[in-house]
Amino acid sequence: KLRWIQQAPTPRAARWRITNYLNVMREAVTGQALLKPMAKALTTLERHAEQVVRRWMSGLTNARLEGMNGLFQAARSRARGYRNEANFIAMIYLIGSPVGRMLDHTKSI
């Protein structure tokens, strides 16, 4: 059912699908002690429904952040050579910043 929401062609359709999903699932979990965690998840979805719908308007994903996280994890694995935390933080800033692109640009001038 969550894929059904994700595949909505428009924000309006997504909003309708979320509402429909919440109504159907609330009926299913009401009075079921084993499904209390699901009821909590439904409450969370209901609370953040507008942010979920914004996904259709922005088209943005967290792919860039996930890619940068991979770079940061690689820096952490090499962190044995850093003398202190400040050096490690500086390395994270250097990896995450566009300094390399700026340097490439100055070389071409």
PDB file of N, CA and C in Angstrom:
ATOM      1  N   LYS A   1       0.820  -1.210   0.000  1.00  0.00           N
ATOM      2  CA  LYS A   1       0.000   0.000   0.000  1.00  0.00           C
ATOM      3  C   LYS A   1       0.855   1.262   0.000  1.00  0.00           C
ATOM      4  N   LEU A   2       2.008   1.221   0.670  1.00  0.00           N
ATOM      5  CA  LEU A   2       2.850   2.411   0.674  1.00  0.00           C
ATOM      6  C   LEU A   2       3.430   2.670  -0.714  1.00  0.00           C
ATOM      7  N   ARG A   3       3.719   1.614  -1.457  1.00  0.00           N
ATOM      8  CA  ARG A   3       4.164   1.809  -2.847  1.00  0.00           C
ATOM      9  C   ARG A   3       3.053   2.451  -3.668  1.00  0.00           C
ATOM     10  N   TRP A   4       1.825   2.088  -3.372  1.00  0.00           N
ATOM     11  CA  TRP A   4       0.677   2.665  -4.068  1.00  0.00           C
ATOM     12  C   TRP A   4       0.660   4.173  -3.849  1.00  0.00           C
ATOM     13  N   ILE A   5       0.977   4.617  -2.640  1.00  0.00           N
ATOM     14  CA  ILE A   5       1.051   6.057  -2.362  1.00  0.00           C
ATOM     15  C   ILE A   5       2.214   6.661  -3.132  1.00  0.00           C
ATOM     16  N   GLN A   6       3.346   5.987  -3.101  1.00  0.00           N
ATOM     17  CA  GLN A   6       4.550   6.502  -3.749  1.00  0.00           C
ATOM     18  C   GLN A   6       4.373   6.648  -5.257  1.00  0.00           C
ATOM     19  N   GLN A   7       3.555   5.825  -5.861  1.00  0.00           N
ATOM     20  CA  GLN A   7       3.370   5.852  -7.307  1.00  0.00           C
ATOM     21  C   GLN A   7       2.289   6.820  -7.762  1.00  0.00           C
ATOM     22  N   ALA A   8       1.783   7.627  -6.866  1.00  0.00           N
ATOM     23  CA  ALA A   8       0.748   8.597  -7.234  1.00  0.00           C
ATOM     24  C   ALA A   8       1.302   9.575  -8.262  1.00  0.00           C
ATOM     25  N   PRO A   9       0.521   9.869  -9.308  1.00  0.00           N
ATOM     26  CA  PRO A   9       1.024  10.739 -10.373  1.00  0.00           C
ATOM     27  C   PRO A   9       1.049  12.231 -10.021  1.00  0.00           C
ATOM     28  N   THR A  10       0.252  12.653  -9.053  1.00  0.00           N
ATOM     29  CA  THR A  10       0.169  14.070  -8.700  1.00  0.00           C
ATOM     30  C   THR A  10       0.144  14.231  -7.181  1.00  0.00           C
ATOM     31  N   PRO A  11       0.445  15.432  -6.692  1.00  0.00           N
ATOM     32  CA  PRO A  11       0.348  15.672  -5.251  1.00  0.00           C
ATOM     33  C   PRO A  11      -1.070  15.468  -4.711  1.00  0.00           C
ATOM     34  N   ARG A  12      -2.052  15.860  -5.505  1.00  0.00           N
ATOM     35  CA  ARG A  12      -3.446  15.687  -5.069  1.00  0.00           C
ATOM     36  C   ARG A  12      -3.782  14.204  -4.924  1.00  0.00           C
ATOM     37  N   ALA A  13      -3.337  13.405  -5.880  1.00  0.00           N
ATOM     38  CA  ALA A  13      -3.574  11.960  -5.809  1.00  0.00           C
ATOM     39  C   ALA A  13      -2.835  11.360  -4.620  1.00  0.00           C
ATOM     40  N   ALA A  14      -1.631  11.837  -4.346  1.00  0.00           N
ATOM     41  CA  ALA A  14      -0.871  11.340  -3.201  1.00  0.00           C
ATOM     42  C   ALA A  14      -1.595  11.665  -1.903  1.00  0.00           C
ATOM     43  N   ARG A  15      -2.093  12.881  -1.790  1.00  0.00           N
ATOM     44  CA  ARG A  15      -2.829  13.278  -0.582  1.00  0.00           C
ATOM     45  C   ARG A  15      -4.055  12.393  -0.382  1.00  0.00           C
ATOM     46  N   TRP A  16      -4.783  12.126  -1.477  1.00  0.00           N
ATOM     47  CA  TRP A  16      -5.965  11.270  -1.390  1.00  0.00           C
ATOM     48  C   TRP A  16      -5.568   9.853  -0.987  1.00  0.00           C
ATOM     49  N   ARG A  17      -4.496   9.348  -1.576  1.00  0.00           N
ATOM     50  CA  ARG A  17      -4.061   7.984  -1.265  1.00  0.00           C
ATOM     51  C   ARG A  17      -3.596   7.861   0.177  1.00  0.00           C
ATOM     52  N   ILE A  18      -2.909   8.879   0.681  1.00  0.00           N
ATOM     53  CA  ILE A  18      -2.488   8.847   2.085  1.00  0.00           C
ATOM     54  C   ILE A  18      -3.701   8.818   2.995  1.00  0.00           C
ATOM     55  N   THR A  19      -4.682   9.664   2.720  1.00  0.00           N
ATOM     56  CA  THR A  19      -5.901   9.704   3.531  1.00  0.00           C
ATOM     57  C   THR A  19      -6.625   8.363   3.488  1.00  0.00           C
ATOM     58  N   ASN A  20      -6.749   7.796   2.296  1.00  0.00           N
ATOM     59  CA  ASN A  20      -7.399   6.498   2.142  1.00  0.00           C
ATOM     60  C   ASN A  20      -6.639   5.425   2.915  1.00  0.00           C
ATOM     61  N   TYR A  21      -5.319   5.416   2.768  1.00  0.00           N
ATOM     62  CA  TYR A  21      -4.478   4.439   3.465  1.00  0.00           C
ATOM     63  C   TYR A  21      -4.653   4.552   4.978  1.00  0.00           C
ATOM     64  N   LEU A  22      -4.621   5.784   5.481  1.00  0.00           N
ATOM     65  CA  LEU A  22      -4.764   5.993   6.921  1.00  0.00           C
ATOM     66  C   LEU A  22      -6.115   5.498   7.423  1.00  0.00           C
ATOM     67  N   ASN A  23      -7.180   5.779   6.672  1.00  0.00           N
ATOM     68  CA  ASN A  23      -8.510   5.337   7.093  1.00  0.00           C
ATOM     69  C   ASN A  23      -8.614   3.817   7.128  1.00  0.00           C
ATOM     70  N   VAL A  24      -8.142   3.149   6.081  1.00  0.00           N
ATOM     71  CA  VAL A  24      -8.226   1.690   6.006  1.00  0.00           C
ATOM     72  C   VAL A  24      -7.377   1.048   7.102  1.00  0.00           C
ATOM     73  N   MET A  25      -6.175   1.547   7.284  1.00  0.00           N
ATOM     74  CA  MET A  25      -5.277   0.950   8.268  1.00  0.00           C
ATOM     75  C   MET A  25      -5.720   1.238   9.698  1.00  0.00           C
ATOM     76  N   ARG A  26      -6.301   2.391   9.947  1.00  0.00           N
ATOM     77  CA  ARG A  26      -6.808   2.678  11.302  1.00  0.00           C
ATOM     78  C   ARG A  26      -7.887   1.672  11.690  1.00  0.00           C
ATOM     79  N   GLU A  27      -8.766   1.353  10.746  1.00  0.00           N
ATOM     80  CA  GLU A  27      -9.796   0.337  11.016  1.00  0.00           C
ATOM     81  C   GLU A  27      -9.156  -1.004  11.322  1.00  0.00           C
ATOM     82  N   ALA A  28      -8.106  -1.351  10.592  1.00  0.00           N
ATOM     83  CA  ALA A  28      -7.475  -2.660  10.750  1.00  0.00           C
ATOM     84  C   ALA A  28      -6.738  -2.794  12.085  1.00  0.00           C
ATOM     85  N   VAL A  29      -6.130  -1.707  12.579  1.00  0.00           N
ATOM     86  CA  VAL A  29      -5.322  -1.814  13.792  1.00  0.00           C
ATOM     87  C   VAL A  29      -6.076  -1.468  15.067  1.00  0.00           C
ATOM     88  N   THR A  30      -7.257  -0.892  14.951  1.00  0.00           N
ATOM     89  CA  THR A  30      -8.015  -0.511  16.142  1.00  0.00           C
ATOM     90  C   THR A  30      -8.368  -1.750  16.952  1.00  0.00           C
ATOM     91  N   GLY A  31      -8.009  -1.710  18.229  1.00  0.00           N
ATOM     92  CA  GLY A  31      -8.329  -2.805  19.135  1.00  0.00           C
ATOM     93  C   GLY A  31      -7.390  -3.991  19.038  1.00  0.00           C
ATOM     94  N   GLN A  32      -6.362  -3.928  18.227  1.00  0.00           N
ATOM     95  CA  GLN A  32      -5.401  -5.022  18.082  1.00  0.00           C
ATOM     96  C   GLN A  32      -4.143  -4.672  18.889  1.00  0.00           C
ATOM     97  N   ALA A  33      -3.949  -5.352  19.992  1.00  0.00           N
ATOM     98  CA  ALA A  33      -2.817  -5.043  20.866  1.00  0.00           C
ATOM     99  C   ALA A  33      -1.474  -5.271  20.173  1.00  0.00           C
ATOM    100  N   LEU A  34      -1.404  -6.294  19.361  1.00  0.00           N
ATOM    101  CA  LEU A  34      -0.141  -6.591  18.679  1.00  0.00           C
ATOM    102  C   LEU A  34       0.218  -5.538  17.633  1.00  0.00           C
ATOM    103  N   LEU A  35      -0.759  -4.778  17.184  1.00  0.00           N
ATOM    104  CA  LEU A  35      -0.518  -3.790  16.127  1.00  0.00           C
ATOM    105  C   LEU A  35      -0.358  -2.369  16.670  1.00  0.00           C
ATOM    106  N   LYS A  36      -0.100  -2.234  17.964  1.00  0.00           N
ATOM    107  CA  LYS A  36       0.119  -0.893  18.538  1.00  0.00           C
ATOM    108  C   LYS A  36       1.271  -0.150  17.867  1.00  0.00           C
ATOM    109  N   PRO A  37       2.393  -0.815  17.545  1.00  0.00           N
ATOM    110  CA  PRO A  37       3.457  -0.096  16.839  1.00  0.00           C
ATOM    111  C   PRO A  37       2.994   0.432  15.478  1.00  0.00           C
ATOM    112  N   MET A  38       2.119  -0.307  14.816  1.00  0.00           N
ATOM    113  CA  MET A  38       1.588   0.150  13.529  1.00  0.00           C
ATOM    114  C   MET A  38       0.712   1.385  13.726  1.00  0.00           C
ATOM    115  N   ALA A  39      -0.041   1.418  14.809  1.00  0.00           N
ATOM    116  CA  ALA A  39      -0.869   2.589  15.103  1.00  0.00           C
ATOM    117  C   ALA A  39       0.018   3.813  15.319  1.00  0.00           C
ATOM    118  N   LYS A  40       1.163   3.602  15.973  1.00  0.00           N
ATOM    119  CA  LYS A  40       2.101   4.706  16.182  1.00  0.00           C
ATOM    120  C   LYS A  40       2.673   5.175  14.846  1.00  0.00           C
ATOM    121  N   ALA A  41       2.983   4.243  13.959  1.00  0.00           N
ATOM    122  CA  ALA A  41       3.500   4.605  12.632  1.00  0.00           C
ATOM    123  C   ALA A  41       2.446   5.366  11.834  1.00  0.00           C
ATOM    124  N   LEU A  42       1.197   4.977  11.955  1.00  0.00           N
ATOM    125  CA  LEU A  42       0.121   5.689  11.257  1.00  0.00           C
ATOM    126  C   LEU A  42      -0.008   7.112  11.773  1.00  0.00           C
ATOM    127  N   THR A  43       0.137   7.289  13.071  1.00  0.00           N
ATOM    128  CA  THR A  43       0.088   8.632  13.650  1.00  0.00           C
ATOM    129  C   THR A  43       1.229   9.484  13.105  1.00  0.00           C
ATOM    130  N   THR A  44       2.399   8.883  12.984  1.00  0.00           N
ATOM    131  CA  THR A  44       3.550   9.602  12.433  1.00  0.00           C
ATOM    132  C   THR A  44       3.295  10.004  10.990  1.00  0.00           C
ATOM    133  N   LEU A  45       2.778   9.086  10.190  1.00  0.00           N
ATOM    134  CA  LEU A  45       2.457   9.394   8.798  1.00  0.00           C
ATOM    135  C   LEU A  45       1.417  10.500   8.715  1.00  0.00           C
ATOM    136  N   GLU A  46       0.419  10.436   9.569  1.00  0.00           N
ATOM    137  CA  GLU A  46      -0.622  11.467   9.572  1.00  0.00           C
ATOM    138  C   GLU A  46      -0.036  12.833   9.919  1.00  0.00           C
ATOM    139  N   ARG A  47       0.869  12.849  10.881  1.00  0.00           N
ATOM    140  CA  ARG A  47       1.493  14.097  11.311  1.00  0.00           C
ATOM    141  C   ARG A  47       2.381  14.697  10.217  1.00  0.00           C
ATOM    142  N   HIS A  48       3.018  13.848   9.413  1.00  0.00           N
ATOM    143  CA  HIS A  48       3.950  14.318   8.396  1.00  0.00           C
ATOM    144  C   HIS A  48       3.397  14.201   6.978  1.00  0.00           C
ATOM    145  N   ALA A  49       2.110  14.071   6.835  1.00  0.00           N
ATOM    146  CA  ALA A  49       1.507  13.855   5.514  1.00  0.00           C
ATOM    147  C   ALA A  49       1.827  14.990   4.548  1.00  0.00           C
ATOM    148  N   GLU A  50       1.802  16.212   5.007  1.00  0.00           N
ATOM    149  CA  GLU A  50       2.087  17.338   4.107  1.00  0.00           C
ATOM    150  C   GLU A  50       3.531  17.311   3.598  1.00  0.00           C
ATOM    151  N   GLN A  51       4.457  16.922   4.459  1.00  0.00           N
ATOM    152  CA  GLN A  51       5.843  16.817   4.012  1.00  0.00           C
ATOM    153  C   GLN A  51       6.004  15.687   3.000  1.00  0.00           C
ATOM    154  N   VAL A  52       5.271  14.613   3.188  1.00  0.00           N
ATOM    155  CA  VAL A  52       5.313  13.502   2.233  1.00  0.00           C
ATOM    156  C   VAL A  52       4.774  13.964   0.882  1.00  0.00           C
ATOM    157  N   VAL A  53       3.706  14.733   0.908  1.00  0.00           N
ATOM    158  CA  VAL A  53       3.105  15.217  -0.338  1.00  0.00           C
ATOM    159  C   VAL A  53       4.043  16.189  -1.050  1.00  0.00           C
ATOM    160  N   ARG A  54       4.818  16.951  -0.295  1.00  0.00           N
ATOM    161  CA  ARG A  54       5.762  17.891  -0.916  1.00  0.00           C
ATOM    162  C   ARG A  54       6.773  17.197  -1.812  1.00  0.00           C
ATOM    163  N   ARG A  55       6.999  15.919  -1.584  1.00  0.00           N
ATOM    164  CA  ARG A  55       7.932  15.158  -2.406  1.00  0.00           C
ATOM    165  C   ARG A  55       7.524  15.212  -3.869  1.00  0.00           C
ATOM    166  N   TRP A  56       6.249  15.205  -4.147  1.00  0.00           N
ATOM    167  CA  TRP A  56       5.775  15.254  -5.528  1.00  0.00           C
ATOM    168  C   TRP A  56       5.992  16.627  -6.140  1.00  0.00           C
ATOM    169  N   MET A  57       5.955  17.656  -5.326  1.00  0.00           N
ATOM    170  CA  MET A  57       6.139  19.003  -5.853  1.00  0.00           C
ATOM    171  C   MET A  57       7.611  19.322  -6.081  1.00  0.00           C
ATOM    172  N   SER A  58       8.489  18.859  -5.186  1.00  0.00           N
ATOM    173  CA  SER A  58       9.903  19.215  -5.300  1.00  0.00           C
ATOM    174  C   SER A  58      10.665  18.274  -6.221  1.00  0.00           C
ATOM    175  N   GLY A  59      10.341  17.005  -6.193  1.00  0.00           N
ATOM    176  CA  GLY A  59      11.079  16.030  -6.985  1.00  0.00           C
ATOM    177  C   GLY A  59      12.452  15.729  -6.423  1.00  0.00           C
ATOM    178  N   LEU A  60      12.787  16.296  -5.260  1.00  0.00           N
ATOM    179  CA  LEU A  60      14.093  16.087  -4.650  1.00  0.00           C
ATOM    180  C   LEU A  60      14.117  14.780  -3.865  1.00  0.00           C
ATOM    181  N   THR A  61      15.289  14.215  -3.763  1.00  0.00           N
ATOM    182  CA  THR A  61      15.483  13.020  -2.954  1.00  0.00           C
ATOM    183  C   THR A  61      16.676  13.257  -2.039  1.00  0.00           C
ATOM    184  N   ASN A  62      16.965  12.298  -1.218  1.00  0.00           N
ATOM    185  CA  ASN A  62      18.125  12.414  -0.341  1.00  0.00           C
ATOM    186  C   ASN A  62      19.329  11.692  -0.934  1.00  0.00           C
ATOM    187  N   ALA A  63      19.326  11.448  -2.231  1.00  0.00           N
ATOM    188  CA  ALA A  63      20.417  10.721  -2.877  1.00  0.00           C
ATOM    189  C   ALA A  63      21.749  11.437  -2.703  1.00  0.00           C
ATOM    190  N   ARG A  64      21.768  12.747  -2.837  1.00  0.00           N
ATOM    191  CA  ARG A  64      23.024  13.498  -2.683  1.00  0.00           C
ATOM    192  C   ARG A  64      23.563  13.355  -1.261  1.00  0.00           C
ATOM    193  N   LEU A  65      22.675  13.448  -0.272  1.00  0.00           N
ATOM    194  CA  LEU A  65      23.116  13.293   1.116  1.00  0.00           C
ATOM    195  C   LEU A  65      23.644  11.893   1.371  1.00  0.00           C
ATOM    196  N   GLU A  66      22.999  10.891   0.804  1.00  0.00           N
ATOM    197  CA  GLU A  66      23.469   9.510   0.975  1.00  0.00           C
ATOM    198  C   GLU A  66      24.840   9.331   0.335  1.00  0.00           C
ATOM    199  N   GLY A  67      25.045   9.941  -0.825  1.00  0.00           N
ATOM    200  CA  GLY A  67      26.348   9.869  -1.476  1.00  0.00           C
ATOM    201  C   GLY A  67      27.430  10.532  -0.645  1.00  0.00           C
ATOM    202  N   MET A  68      27.117  11.694  -0.094  1.00  0.00           N
ATOM    203  CA  MET A  68      28.093  12.394   0.745  1.00  0.00           C
ATOM    204  C   MET A  68      28.354  11.610   2.027  1.00  0.00           C
ATOM    205  N   ASN A  69      27.321  10.954   2.556  1.00  0.00           N
ATOM    206  CA  ASN A  69      27.510  10.146   3.754  1.00  0.00           C
ATOM    207  C   ASN A  69      28.518   9.033   3.479  1.00  0.00           C
ATOM    208  N   GLY A  70      28.469   8.457   2.287  1.00  0.00           N
ATOM    209  CA  GLY A  70      29.447   7.435   1.918  1.00  0.00           C
ATOM    210  C   GLY A  70      30.862   7.993   1.926  1.00  0.00           C
ATOM    211  N   LEU A  71      31.025   9.214   1.426  1.00  0.00           N
ATOM    212  CA  LEU A  71      32.342   9.855   1.458  1.00  0.00           C
ATOM    213  C   LEU A  71      32.798  10.114   2.890  1.00  0.00           C
ATOM    214  N   PHE A  72      31.873  10.548   3.742  1.00  0.00           N
ATOM    215  CA  PHE A  72      32.213  10.821   5.130  1.00  0.00           C
ATOM    216  C   PHE A  72      32.600   9.539   5.863  1.00  0.00           C
ATOM    217  N   GLN A  73      31.900   8.444   5.545  1.00  0.00           N
ATOM    218  CA  GLN A  73      32.230   7.162   6.171  1.00  0.00           C
ATOM    219  C   GLN A  73      33.624   6.707   5.747  1.00  0.00           C
ATOM    220  N   ALA A  74      33.959   6.951   4.470  1.00  0.00           N
ATOM    221  CA  ALA A  74      35.300   6.604   4.003  1.00  0.00           C
ATOM    222  C   ALA A  74      36.349   7.443   4.732  1.00  0.00           C
ATOM    223  N   ALA A  75      36.059   8.723   4.962  1.00  0.00           N
ATOM    224  CA  ALA A  75      36.992   9.576   5.702  1.00  0.00           C
ATOM    225  C   ALA A  75      37.136   9.084   7.134  1.00  0.00           C
ATOM    226  N   ARG A  76      36.036   8.642   7.711  1.00  0.00           N
ATOM    227  CA  ARG A  76      36.098   8.129   9.084  1.00  0.00           C
ATOM    228  C   ARG A  76      36.959   6.873   9.158  1.00  0.00           C
ATOM    229  N   SER A  77      36.860   6.022   8.139  1.00  0.00           N
ATOM    230  CA  SER A  77      37.662   4.800   8.161  1.00  0.00           C
ATOM    231  C   SER A  77      39.155   5.110   8.014  1.00  0.00           C
ATOM    232  N   ARG A  78      39.470   6.223   7.393  1.00  0.00           N
ATOM    233  CA  ARG A  78      40.874   6.640   7.273  1.00  0.00           C
ATOM    234  C   ARG A  78      41.297   7.525   8.438  1.00  0.00           C
ATOM    235  N   ALA A  79      40.420   7.765   9.378  1.00  0.00           N
ATOM    236  CA  ALA A  79      40.638   8.754  10.432  1.00  0.00           C
ATOM    237  C   ALA A  79      41.733   8.370  11.416  1.00  0.00           C
ATOM    238  N   ARG A  80      42.257   7.177  11.338  1.00  0.00           N
ATOM    239  CA  ARG A  80      43.308   6.791  12.278  1.00  0.00           C
ATOM    240  C   ARG A  80      44.520   7.718  12.173  1.00  0.00           C
ATOM    241  N   GLY A  81      44.705   8.298  10.994  1.00  0.00           N
ATOM    242  CA  GLY A  81      45.851   9.182  10.796  1.00  0.00           C
ATOM    243  C   GLY A  81      45.634  10.599  11.290  1.00  0.00           C
ATOM    244  N   TYR A  82      44.422  10.963  11.624  1.00  0.00           N
ATOM    245  CA  TYR A  82      44.163  12.324  12.091  1.00  0.00           C
ATOM    246  C   TYR A  82      44.551  12.420  13.565  1.00  0.00           C
ATOM    247  N   ARG A  83      45.212  13.494  13.922  1.00  0.00           N
ATOM    248  CA  ARG A  83      45.713  13.618  15.288  1.00  0.00           C
ATOM    249  C   ARG A  83      44.624  13.972  16.288  1.00  0.00           C
ATOM    250  N   ASN A  84      43.628  14.709  15.834  1.00  0.00           N
ATOM    251  CA  ASN A  84      42.574  15.088  16.767  1.00  0.00           C
ATOM    252  C   ASN A  84      41.253  15.256  16.014  1.00  0.00           C
ATOM    253  N   GLU A  85      40.230  15.509  16.784  1.00  0.00           N
ATOM    254  CA  GLU A  85      38.882  15.636  16.241  1.00  0.00           C
ATOM    255  C   GLU A  85      38.754  16.833  15.296  1.00  0.00           C
ATOM    256  N   ALA A  86      39.438  17.904  15.585  1.00  0.00           N
ATOM    257  CA  ALA A  86      39.365  19.107  14.754  1.00  0.00           C
ATOM    258  C   ALA A  86      39.877  18.819  13.339  1.00  0.00           C
ATOM    259  N   ASN A  87      40.940  18.034  13.228  1.00  0.00           N
ATOM    260  CA  ASN A  87      41.448  17.681  11.901  1.00  0.00           C
ATOM    261  C   ASN A  87      40.436  16.831  11.130  1.00  0.00           C
ATOM    262  N   PHE A  88      39.793  15.917  11.841  1.00  0.00           N
ATOM    263  CA  PHE A  88      38.775  15.078  11.205  1.00  0.00           C
ATOM    264  C   PHE A  88      37.608  15.935  10.717  1.00  0.00           C
ATOM    265  N   ILE A  89      37.182  16.869  11.523  1.00  0.00           N
ATOM    266  CA  ILE A  89      36.083  17.758  11.130  1.00  0.00           C
ATOM    267  C   ILE A  89      36.492  18.604   9.929  1.00  0.00           C
ATOM    268  N   ALA A  90      37.712  19.086   9.925  1.00  0.00           N
ATOM    269  CA  ALA A  90      38.207  19.856   8.777  1.00  0.00           C
ATOM    270  C   ALA A  90      38.187  18.998   7.513  1.00  0.00           C
ATOM    271  N   MET A  91      38.568  17.729   7.631  1.00  0.00           N
ATOM    272  CA  MET A  91      38.554  16.829   6.480  1.00  0.00           C
ATOM    273  C   MET A  91      37.128  16.640   5.964  1.00  0.00           C
ATOM    274  N   ILE A  92      36.165  16.519   6.859  1.00  0.00           N
ATOM    275  CA  ILE A  92      34.761  16.379   6.451  1.00  0.00           C
ATOM    276  C   ILE A  92      34.323  17.618   5.676  1.00  0.00           C
ATOM    277  N   TYR A  93      34.686  18.793   6.162  1.00  0.00           N
ATOM    278  CA  TYR A  93      34.341  20.028   5.453  1.00  0.00           C
ATOM    279  C   TYR A  93      35.002  20.087   4.078  1.00  0.00           C
ATOM    280  N   LEU A  94      36.233  19.655   3.992  1.00  0.00           N
ATOM    281  CA  LEU A  94      36.921  19.664   2.698  1.00  0.00           C
ATOM    282  C   LEU A  94      36.279  18.683   1.721  1.00  0.00           C
ATOM    283  N   ILE A  95      35.903  17.524   2.218  1.00  0.00           N
ATOM    284  CA  ILE A  95      35.265  16.528   1.343  1.00  0.00           C
ATOM    285  C   ILE A  95      33.903  17.030   0.873  1.00  0.00           C
ATOM    286  N   GLY A  96      33.135  17.633   1.786  1.00  0.00           N
ATOM    287  CA  GLY A  96      31.774  18.040   1.459  1.00  0.00           C
ATOM    288  C   GLY A  96      31.649  19.366   0.743  1.00  0.00           C
ATOM    289  N   SER A  97      32.717  20.136   0.696  1.00  0.00           N
ATOM    290  CA  SER A  97      32.633  21.459   0.079  1.00  0.00           C
ATOM    291  C   SER A  97      33.011  21.390  -1.398  1.00  0.00           C
ATOM    292  N   PRO A  98      32.673  22.429  -2.155  1.00  0.00           N
ATOM    293  CA  PRO A  98      33.019  22.448  -3.581  1.00  0.00           C
ATOM    294  C   PRO A  98      34.427  22.978  -3.851  1.00  0.00           C
ATOM    295  N   VAL A  99      35.342  22.860  -2.882  1.00  0.00           N
ATOM    296  CA  VAL A  99      36.690  23.406  -3.044  1.00  0.00           C
ATOM    297  C   VAL A  99      37.386  22.784  -4.249  1.00  0.00           C
ATOM    298  N   GLY A 100      37.245  21.489  -4.425  1.00  0.00           N
ATOM    299  CA  GLY A 100      37.895  20.821  -5.545  1.00  0.00           C
ATOM    300  C   GLY A 100      37.442  21.373  -6.883  1.00  0.00           C
ATOM    301  N   ARG A 101      36.177  21.625  -7.010  1.00  0.00           N
ATOM    302  CA  ARG A 101      35.666  22.207  -8.267  1.00  0.00           C
ATOM    303  C   ARG A 101      36.170  23.623  -8.459  1.00  0.00           C
ATOM    304  N   MET A 102      36.292  24.373  -7.362  1.00  0.00           N
ATOM    305  CA  MET A 102      36.797  25.740  -7.471  1.00  0.00           C
ATOM    306  C   MET A 102      38.262  25.728  -7.907  1.00  0.00           C
ATOM    307  N   LEU A 103      39.043  24.787  -7.381  1.00  0.00           N
ATOM    308  CA  LEU A 103      40.446  24.684  -7.756  1.00  0.00           C
ATOM    309  C   LEU A 103      40.587  24.261  -9.230  1.00  0.00           C
ATOM    310  N   ASP A 104      39.730  23.330  -9.671  1.00  0.00           N
ATOM    311  CA  ASP A 104      39.751  22.935 -11.069  1.00  0.00           C
ATOM    312  C   ASP A 104      39.442  24.110 -11.979  1.00  0.00           C
ATOM    313  N   HIS A 105      38.534  24.953 -11.551  1.00  0.00           N
ATOM    314  CA  HIS A 105      38.149  26.134 -12.335  1.00  0.00           C
ATOM    315  C   HIS A 105      39.306  27.110 -12.445  1.00  0.00           C
ATOM    316  N   THR A 106      40.059  27.305 -11.361  1.00  0.00           N
ATOM    317  CA  THR A 106      41.172  28.257 -11.400  1.00  0.00           C
ATOM    318  C   THR A 106      42.317  27.728 -12.259  1.00  0.00           C
ATOM    319  N   LYS A 107      42.465  26.420 -12.355  1.00  0.00           N
ATOM    320  CA  LYS A 107      43.500  25.843 -13.207  1.00  0.00           C
ATOM    321  C   LYS A 107      43.217  26.102 -14.682  1.00  0.00           C
ATOM    322  N   SER A 108      41.941  26.127 -15.032  1.00  0.00           N
ATOM    323  CA  SER A 108      41.580  26.298 -16.440  1.00  0.00           C
ATOM    324  C   SER A 108      41.658  27.742 -16.906  1.00  0.00           C
ATOM    325  N   ILE A 109      41.831  28.689 -15.986  1.00  0.00           N
ATOM    326  CA  ILE A 109      41.882  30.114 -16.362  1.00  0.00           C
ATOM    327  C   ILE A 109      43.246  30.502 -16.821  1.00  0.00           C
TER     328      ILE A 109
END
